[in-house]
Protein backbone atom coordinates (compact mmCIF):
# COMPACT_ATOMS: atom_id res chain seq x y z
CA MET A 1 -22.69 -15.85 -12.73
CA ARG A 2 -18.92 -15.44 -12.35
CA ALA A 3 -17.05 -18.30 -10.68
CA PRO A 4 -15.54 -16.99 -7.44
CA VAL A 5 -12.05 -17.66 -6.16
CA THR A 6 -11.37 -18.48 -2.50
CA LEU A 7 -9.67 -15.55 -0.79
CA PRO A 8 -6.89 -16.10 1.79
CA ARG A 9 -7.50 -14.69 5.26
CA LEU A 10 -5.77 -12.96 8.15
CA THR A 11 -7.56 -12.80 11.50
CA TRP A 12 -7.51 -10.79 14.71
CA GLY A 13 -9.43 -11.67 17.88
CA ASP A 14 -11.35 -14.67 19.19
CA ALA A 15 -13.32 -16.60 16.58
CA GLY A 16 -16.25 -16.80 18.99
CA ARG A 17 -16.89 -13.07 18.83
CA PRO A 18 -19.04 -11.14 16.34
CA SER A 19 -17.33 -11.31 12.95
CA VAL A 20 -16.36 -8.43 10.67
CA LEU A 21 -14.88 -8.78 7.18
CA LEU A 22 -12.21 -6.29 6.05
CA VAL A 23 -11.81 -5.73 2.29
CA HIS A 24 -8.84 -3.70 1.03
CA GLY A 25 -8.42 -1.38 -1.92
CA LEU A 26 -6.63 -1.61 -5.27
CA GLY A 27 -2.93 -2.38 -4.97
CA SER A 28 -3.15 -3.20 -1.26
CA ASP A 29 -3.70 -6.47 0.61
CA GLY A 30 -5.40 -7.82 3.71
CA ALA A 31 -2.41 -7.13 5.95
CA LEU A 32 -2.78 -3.39 5.28
CA MET A 33 -6.10 -3.49 7.13
CA TRP A 34 -4.15 -4.16 10.34
CA ARG A 35 -5.22 -0.92 12.05
CA PHE A 36 -8.85 -1.92 11.75
CA GLY A 37 -8.17 -5.55 12.63
CA ALA A 38 -6.24 -4.78 15.81
CA ALA A 39 -8.69 -2.12 17.00
CA LEU A 40 -11.72 -4.30 16.31
CA ALA A 41 -10.17 -7.24 18.17
CA ASP A 42 -9.53 -4.99 21.17
CA ALA A 43 -13.16 -3.86 20.99
CA GLY A 44 -14.49 -7.41 21.14
CA TRP A 45 -14.79 -8.35 17.46
CA HIS A 46 -13.32 -11.18 15.38
CA ALA A 47 -11.81 -9.40 12.37
CA VAL A 48 -11.07 -11.21 9.12
CA ALA A 49 -9.11 -9.52 6.32
CA VAL A 50 -8.84 -11.04 2.85
CA ASP A 51 -6.50 -10.60 -0.11
CA LEU A 52 -8.54 -9.79 -3.21
CA ARG A 53 -7.92 -11.70 -6.45
CA GLY A 54 -4.64 -10.67 -8.05
CA HIS A 55 -3.38 -9.25 -4.75
CA GLY A 56 -1.21 -10.72 -2.00
CA ASP A 57 -1.55 -14.48 -1.75
CA ALA A 58 -4.92 -14.63 -3.54
CA PRO A 59 -5.36 -16.67 -6.72
CA ARG A 60 -4.61 -14.98 -10.02
CA ALA A 61 -7.31 -14.93 -12.69
CA LEU A 62 -8.21 -13.40 -16.05
CA ASP A 63 -11.34 -11.56 -14.92
CA TYR A 64 -10.79 -8.34 -12.96
CA SER A 65 -14.22 -6.80 -13.42
CA LEU A 66 -15.99 -5.28 -10.44
CA ALA A 67 -18.51 -8.10 -10.74
CA ALA A 68 -15.72 -10.65 -10.31
CA TYR A 69 -14.32 -8.91 -7.23
CA ALA A 70 -17.85 -8.73 -5.81
CA ALA A 71 -18.50 -12.42 -6.50
CA ASP A 72 -15.39 -13.33 -4.51
CA VAL A 73 -16.34 -11.33 -1.43
CA ALA A 74 -19.98 -12.46 -1.64
CA HIS A 75 -18.64 -16.03 -1.59
CA THR A 76 -16.67 -15.24 1.60
CA HIS A 77 -18.47 -16.06 4.85
CA PRO A 78 -17.57 -16.37 8.55
CA GLU A 79 -15.94 -19.65 9.55
CA SER A 80 -19.16 -20.60 11.35
CA GLY A 81 -21.28 -19.78 8.29
CA GLY A 82 -24.19 -17.37 8.09
CA ALA A 83 -23.98 -13.61 7.81
CA TRP A 84 -21.15 -11.27 8.71
CA ASP A 85 -22.01 -8.98 11.59
CA ALA A 86 -20.30 -6.23 9.62
CA VAL A 87 -18.25 -5.72 6.47
CA VAL A 88 -15.73 -2.88 6.06
CA GLY A 89 -14.54 -2.06 2.55
CA HIS A 90 -11.99 0.53 1.40
CA SER A 91 -11.95 2.00 -2.12
CA LEU A 92 -12.17 -0.96 -4.56
CA GLY A 93 -13.11 -3.11 -1.58
CA GLY A 94 -15.94 -0.71 -0.84
CA ALA A 95 -17.25 -1.04 -4.39
CA ALA A 96 -17.06 -4.84 -4.27
CA ALA A 97 -18.76 -4.96 -0.87
CA THR A 98 -21.51 -2.62 -2.10
CA VAL A 99 -22.30 -4.89 -5.04
CA ALA A 100 -22.20 -7.99 -2.83
CA ALA A 101 -24.48 -6.50 -0.16
CA ALA A 102 -26.94 -5.17 -2.72
CA GLY A 103 -27.14 -8.57 -4.40
CA ASP A 104 -27.63 -10.48 -1.14
CA PRO A 105 -29.09 -8.51 1.81
CA THR A 106 -28.41 -11.51 4.08
CA TRP A 107 -24.64 -11.45 3.46
CA THR A 108 -23.92 -8.84 6.16
CA ARG A 109 -25.93 -7.13 8.89
CA ARG A 110 -24.22 -3.78 8.32
CA LEU A 111 -21.73 -2.16 6.01
CA VAL A 112 -19.00 0.45 6.46
CA LEU A 113 -17.45 1.96 3.33
CA VAL A 114 -14.13 3.84 3.61
CA ASP A 115 -13.80 6.43 0.81
CA PRO A 116 -15.43 3.90 -1.50
CA ALA A 117 -14.89 3.75 -5.26
CA ILE A 118 -18.61 3.94 -6.06
CA HIS A 119 -18.14 5.91 -9.28
CA LEU A 120 -14.87 6.97 -10.90
CA ALA A 121 -14.98 9.77 -13.43
CA ASP A 122 -12.16 10.24 -15.94
CA GLY A 123 -10.19 12.53 -13.61
CA ASP A 124 -10.38 10.04 -10.75
CA ARG A 125 -9.35 7.18 -13.02
CA GLU A 126 -6.27 9.11 -14.17
CA ILE A 127 -5.24 9.82 -10.58
CA VAL A 128 -5.60 6.12 -9.74
CA ARG A 129 -3.60 5.12 -12.83
CA GLN A 130 -0.77 7.50 -12.03
CA SER A 131 -0.71 6.41 -8.39
CA GLN A 132 -0.40 2.74 -9.33
CA GLU A 133 2.29 3.46 -11.94
CA GLN A 134 4.28 5.37 -9.35
CA ALA A 135 3.92 2.55 -6.82
CA PHE A 136 5.16 -0.11 -9.24
CA ALA A 137 8.00 2.09 -10.53
CA ASP A 138 9.65 1.97 -7.09
CA PRO A 139 7.97 -0.51 -4.72
CA THR A 140 10.45 0.01 -1.91
CA VAL A 141 10.07 0.98 1.73
CA ALA A 142 12.16 4.09 1.09
CA ALA A 143 9.87 5.25 -1.72
CA VAL A 144 6.71 4.72 0.33
CA ARG A 145 8.25 6.50 3.32
CA SER A 146 9.22 9.44 1.11
CA ALA A 147 5.71 9.71 -0.33
CA HIS A 148 4.00 9.26 3.05
CA PRO A 149 6.33 10.50 5.81
CA ASP A 150 3.51 10.67 8.37
CA TRP A 151 2.43 7.04 8.00
CA HIS A 152 3.13 4.52 10.75
CA PRO A 153 6.26 2.43 9.99
CA VAL A 154 4.10 -0.71 9.77
CA ASP A 155 1.93 0.90 7.07
CA VAL A 156 5.05 1.94 5.16
CA GLU A 157 6.50 -1.58 5.30
CA LEU A 158 3.22 -3.29 4.42
CA LYS A 159 2.40 -0.94 1.56
CA ALA A 160 5.77 -1.64 -0.06
CA ARG A 161 5.26 -5.37 0.44
CA ALA A 162 1.71 -5.24 -0.95
CA THR A 163 2.94 -3.64 -4.18
CA GLN A 164 5.71 -6.20 -4.51
CA ARG A 165 3.26 -9.09 -4.02
CA ALA A 166 0.47 -7.77 -6.27
CA SER A 167 0.16 -8.70 -9.92
CA ARG A 168 0.89 -5.57 -11.93
CA TRP A 169 -1.08 -7.07 -14.80
CA ALA A 170 -4.08 -7.59 -12.52
CA ILE A 171 -3.93 -3.98 -11.33
CA GLU A 172 -3.74 -2.71 -14.92
CA GLN A 173 -6.58 -4.99 -15.99
CA THR A 174 -8.77 -3.73 -13.15
CA SER A 175 -8.76 -0.34 -14.85
CA LEU A 176 -8.98 -1.66 -18.41
CA GLN A 177 -11.77 -4.16 -17.76
CA ASN A 178 -13.91 -1.58 -15.97
CA ALA A 179 -14.16 1.05 -18.67
CA VAL A 180 -17.31 2.20 -16.90
CA TRP A 181 -16.68 2.21 -13.15
CA ASP A 182 -20.08 2.82 -11.63
CA VAL A 183 -21.92 0.93 -8.87
CA ARG A 184 -24.29 3.77 -7.95
CA ALA A 185 -27.29 1.58 -8.77
CA ASP A 186 -26.05 -1.00 -6.28
CA ALA A 187 -25.55 1.69 -3.63
CA ALA A 188 -29.11 2.86 -4.24
CA ALA A 189 -30.33 -0.71 -3.72
CA LEU A 190 -28.63 -1.18 -0.32
CA ARG A 191 -31.03 -2.00 2.50
CA VAL A 192 -28.58 -2.90 5.28
CA PRO A 193 -27.46 -0.03 7.55
CA THR A 194 -24.47 1.51 5.79
CA HIS A 195 -22.04 4.18 6.95
CA VAL A 196 -19.49 5.91 4.73
CA ILE A 197 -16.25 7.14 6.31
CA GLY A 198 -15.19 9.76 3.81
CA ALA A 199 -11.78 11.27 3.17
CA ASP A 200 -11.31 15.03 3.33
CA PRO A 201 -12.00 16.58 -0.10
CA ALA A 202 -9.45 19.28 0.74
CA VAL A 203 -6.79 16.55 0.76
CA HIS A 204 -8.13 13.96 -1.71
CA SER A 205 -11.36 11.99 -1.80
CA ILE A 206 -13.06 9.89 -4.48
CA PHE A 207 -16.39 10.08 -2.64
CA SER A 208 -17.56 13.65 -2.15
CA GLY A 209 -19.63 16.44 -3.66
CA ALA A 210 -22.46 15.55 -6.01
CA LEU A 211 -21.61 11.83 -5.91
CA ALA A 212 -21.88 11.67 -2.12
CA ALA A 213 -25.09 13.71 -2.17
CA GLU A 214 -26.63 11.33 -4.71
CA VAL A 215 -25.66 8.18 -2.79
CA LEU A 216 -26.87 9.64 0.50
CA THR A 217 -30.42 9.94 -0.84
CA ASN A 218 -30.67 6.27 0.17
CA PRO A 219 -32.00 6.47 3.77
CA ALA A 220 -29.99 3.38 4.74
CA ILE A 221 -26.72 5.29 4.20
CA THR A 222 -25.07 7.84 6.52
CA MET A 223 -21.69 9.54 6.27
CA SER A 224 -18.91 11.15 8.28
CA VAL A 225 -15.64 12.71 7.09
CA VAL A 226 -12.16 12.33 8.61
CA SER A 227 -10.68 15.82 8.57
CA GLY A 228 -7.16 16.05 7.18
CA ALA A 229 -7.20 12.53 5.71
CA GLY A 230 -6.67 11.57 2.10
CA HIS A 231 -8.00 8.56 0.23
CA SER A 232 -6.57 6.12 2.82
CA PRO A 233 -7.81 7.68 6.07
CA HIS A 234 -6.89 4.62 8.15
CA ARG A 235 -3.27 5.35 7.25
CA ASP A 236 -3.39 9.16 7.12
CA ARG A 237 -5.44 9.72 10.31
CA PRO A 238 -5.66 6.27 11.92
CA HIS A 239 -6.93 7.26 15.37
CA ASP A 240 -9.78 9.40 14.01
CA THR A 241 -10.66 6.79 11.41
CA VAL A 242 -10.74 3.93 13.90
CA ALA A 243 -12.92 6.06 16.19
CA ALA A 244 -15.31 6.69 13.28
CA LEU A 245 -15.43 2.95 12.53
CA LEU A 246 -16.14 1.94 16.13
CA SER A 247 -18.81 4.63 16.35
CA ALA A 248 -20.44 3.32 13.17
CA LEU A 249 -20.48 -0.20 14.58
CA ASP A 250 -21.72 0.81 18.04
């Protein structure tokens, strides 16, 4: 059993409302889940975003295995205790949330996975590695804006800040310590209602094709795709992605 670290939180909405946990992807931080947080608060939820270990203001550690990330989020509960009403995880956060929910079906009542990193083949891993190298080579607002001219200015600012605040060593170790990146068995074990919001394979998705078909054999899991969105649909096509999230939680 890996010892968890306590993850710092950002919140949107009244604490007395149903609670949803937001878990970001590799190289990001909790603040970058702001689109979801603001929309969920407006829809009557209490949204809580965390910084994963090695990211943002979270504690640094030596262990950056998927099991360690999952132990941290599994250790994270609403302020009032008990189960989350929903958990939303993007990419790495989706993998960690999948492992946590499979290990403890009482942790959340439902799960939404945004282009989750359920299984990364060699080609996917290389794309991730190159993307992170590029981000750390020039972690400025200008560089992010140049790479993503259609993103909202807040996403541009926060993405640059997230890279500057993340531990580069932790990001590198996340790849090195997970030589086999595969939580398909955990996805198959999910029993809570789960919805995948997929990116558009025509743009870039790490959850599509044969992998998606395999995971969707679990009757607890459904899927929709945000047309025209890449791996971060909440930044590429925020309105459509938020609509898909609210529909999944309805």
